[in-house]
Protein backbone atom coordinates (compact mmCIF):
# COMPACT_ATOMS: atom_id res chain seq x y z
CA UNK A 1 -17.11 17.92 110.57
CA UNK A 2 -13.44 18.05 110.82
CA UNK A 3 -10.97 17.87 108.02
CA UNK A 4 -7.46 16.60 108.46
CA UNK A 5 -4.99 17.19 105.93
CA UNK A 6 -3.49 14.23 104.92
CA UNK A 7 0.30 13.64 105.74
CA UNK A 8 2.84 12.14 103.41
CA UNK A 9 3.16 8.65 105.02
CA UNK A 10 6.98 7.83 105.45
CA UNK A 11 7.87 5.57 102.40
CA UNK A 12 8.87 2.00 103.32
CA UNK A 13 12.28 0.77 103.39
CA UNK A 14 11.66 -1.68 100.22
CA UNK A 15 10.29 1.42 98.44
CA UNK A 16 13.80 3.33 99.19
CA UNK A 17 15.73 0.35 98.33
CA UNK A 18 13.95 -0.12 94.96
CA UNK A 19 14.44 3.57 94.05
CA UNK A 20 18.19 3.38 95.14
CA UNK A 21 18.33 0.23 93.10
CA UNK A 22 16.91 2.17 90.00
CA UNK A 23 19.39 4.71 90.33
CA UNK A 24 22.40 2.52 90.59
CA UNK A 25 21.19 0.84 87.25
CA UNK A 26 20.77 4.35 85.53
CA UNK A 27 24.16 5.59 86.74
CA UNK A 28 25.71 2.30 85.54
CA UNK A 29 23.87 2.33 82.11
CA UNK A 30 25.01 6.09 81.67
CA UNK A 31 28.88 5.15 82.68
CA UNK A 32 28.44 2.45 80.05
CA UNK A 33 27.17 4.87 77.50
CA UNK A 34 29.99 7.09 78.22
CA UNK A 35 32.66 4.33 77.61
CA UNK A 36 31.09 3.43 74.63
CA UNK A 37 30.86 6.88 73.17
CA UNK A 38 34.71 7.45 74.34
CA UNK A 39 35.86 4.41 72.70
CA UNK A 40 33.93 5.28 69.39
CA UNK A 41 35.50 8.78 69.48
CA UNK A 42 39.11 7.44 70.13
CA UNK A 43 38.83 4.98 67.16
CA UNK A 44 37.72 7.81 64.91
CA UNK A 45 40.78 9.94 65.89
CA UNK A 46 42.97 7.07 65.50
CA UNK A 47 41.45 6.61 61.82
CA UNK A 48 42.25 10.17 61.32
CA UNK A 49 45.86 10.00 62.40
CA UNK A 50 46.54 7.14 60.24
CA UNK A 51 45.05 8.62 57.19
CA UNK A 52 46.78 12.21 57.62
CA UNK A 53 49.95 10.17 58.42
CA UNK A 54 49.81 8.14 55.13
CA UNK A 55 48.96 11.39 53.37
CA UNK A 56 52.01 13.13 54.65
CA UNK A 57 54.39 10.32 53.68
CA UNK A 58 52.99 10.53 50.17
CA UNK A 59 53.52 14.21 50.04
CA UNK A 60 57.24 14.14 51.67
CA UNK A 61 59.01 13.62 48.22
CA UNK A 62 57.27 16.34 46.64
CA UNK A 63 57.84 18.82 49.64
CA UNK A 64 61.36 17.97 49.52
CA UNK A 65 61.94 18.68 45.95
CA UNK A 66 60.12 22.12 46.48
CA UNK A 67 62.28 23.06 49.38
CA UNK A 68 65.44 22.18 47.26
CA UNK A 69 64.13 24.31 44.35
CA UNK A 70 63.44 27.11 46.87
CA UNK A 71 67.01 26.92 48.52
CA UNK A 72 68.38 27.39 44.82
CA UNK A 73 66.23 30.30 44.10
CA UNK A 74 66.41 32.13 47.44
CA UNK A 75 69.64 33.82 46.88
CA UNK A 76 68.31 35.52 43.77
CA UNK A 77 65.07 36.70 45.49
CA UNK A 78 67.13 38.01 48.54
CA UNK A 79 69.28 39.89 45.94
CA UNK A 80 66.10 41.14 44.07
CA UNK A 81 64.76 42.68 47.37
CA UNK A 82 68.02 44.19 48.21
CA UNK A 83 68.20 45.79 44.90
CA UNK A 84 64.61 47.43 45.28
CA UNK A 85 65.56 48.51 48.93
CA UNK A 86 68.47 50.14 47.61
CA UNK A 87 66.40 52.04 44.42
CA UNK A 88 63.80 52.97 46.99
CA UNK A 89 66.48 54.81 49.24
CA UNK A 90 67.61 56.81 46.27
CA UNK A 91 64.33 57.47 44.61
CA UNK A 92 61.83 58.77 47.41
CA UNK A 93 58.87 58.57 45.02
CA UNK A 94 59.28 54.77 45.21
CA UNK A 95 58.64 54.86 48.97
CA UNK A 96 54.69 54.32 49.08
CA UNK A 97 55.17 51.20 47.02
CA UNK A 98 57.85 49.85 49.18
CA UNK A 99 55.66 50.53 52.32
CA UNK A 100 52.88 48.81 50.55
CA UNK A 101 54.78 45.50 50.31
CA UNK A 102 56.66 45.85 53.42
CA UNK A 103 60.19 46.48 51.89
CA UNK A 104 60.92 49.43 53.92
CA UNK A 105 64.09 48.84 56.25
CA UNK A 106 63.63 49.86 59.83
CA UNK A 107 66.77 51.94 59.42
CA UNK A 108 66.04 53.76 56.09
CA UNK A 109 63.76 56.72 56.50
CA UNK A 110 61.89 57.51 53.43
CA UNK A 111 61.10 61.40 53.64
CA UNK A 112 59.64 63.60 50.98
CA UNK A 113 62.32 65.37 48.63
CA UNK A 114 61.03 68.84 49.69
CA UNK A 115 60.02 69.62 53.01
CA UNK A 116 56.55 71.17 53.61
CA UNK A 117 56.88 74.99 54.45
CA UNK A 118 54.77 75.75 57.65
CA UNK A 119 53.29 79.06 58.00
CA UNK A 120 53.00 80.63 61.44
CA UNK A 121 49.49 81.27 62.75
CA UNK A 122 48.20 84.65 62.59
CA UNK A 123 48.40 86.66 65.72
CA UNK A 124 45.31 87.15 67.51
CA UNK A 125 43.74 90.68 66.95
CA UNK A 126 44.04 93.26 69.78
CA UNK A 127 40.83 93.90 71.87
CA UNK A 128 39.68 97.41 71.56
CA UNK A 129 40.58 99.52 74.41
CA UNK A 130 37.84 100.82 76.66
CA UNK A 131 37.36 104.30 77.34
C-alpha cells in the first residue's frame, strides 16, 4: 500500500481575492482609527493651549508688578554683593563662605594668610658598602 503525502492544493483565485479584500478592509479600518486618534490628540493639545494661554494672560499683570519691583531693588542687591566681595577680598577667612555662595570673583584669588611651610623629604639612607 502506497501512501502519498497530500500536497497543498493551490488556492483558487476567488479565495485570494477574498483574502485581499479582507486585508484592504483591515488596512482601511486601521487608517480610520489612526485619523480619529490623531484628531482626538490634536483636540486635547488645542484645549491645553487655550487653558495655558488664558492662565498666562491672568498672570501677566502680577508678573509685570514683580518685575518692576525687582528692577527697583536690583541696584541695592548688586551693591550688597559688591560690598560682600570687597569684604571677602580683605578678610581671607571669609573666603570659604564666599565660595559656598558663588561670590568669588574670577580675578580675585583668595589664599590663606600664612603660607604653609614645606619640609624637604629626608634623603634616602646610603646602602652599606660590600667588602
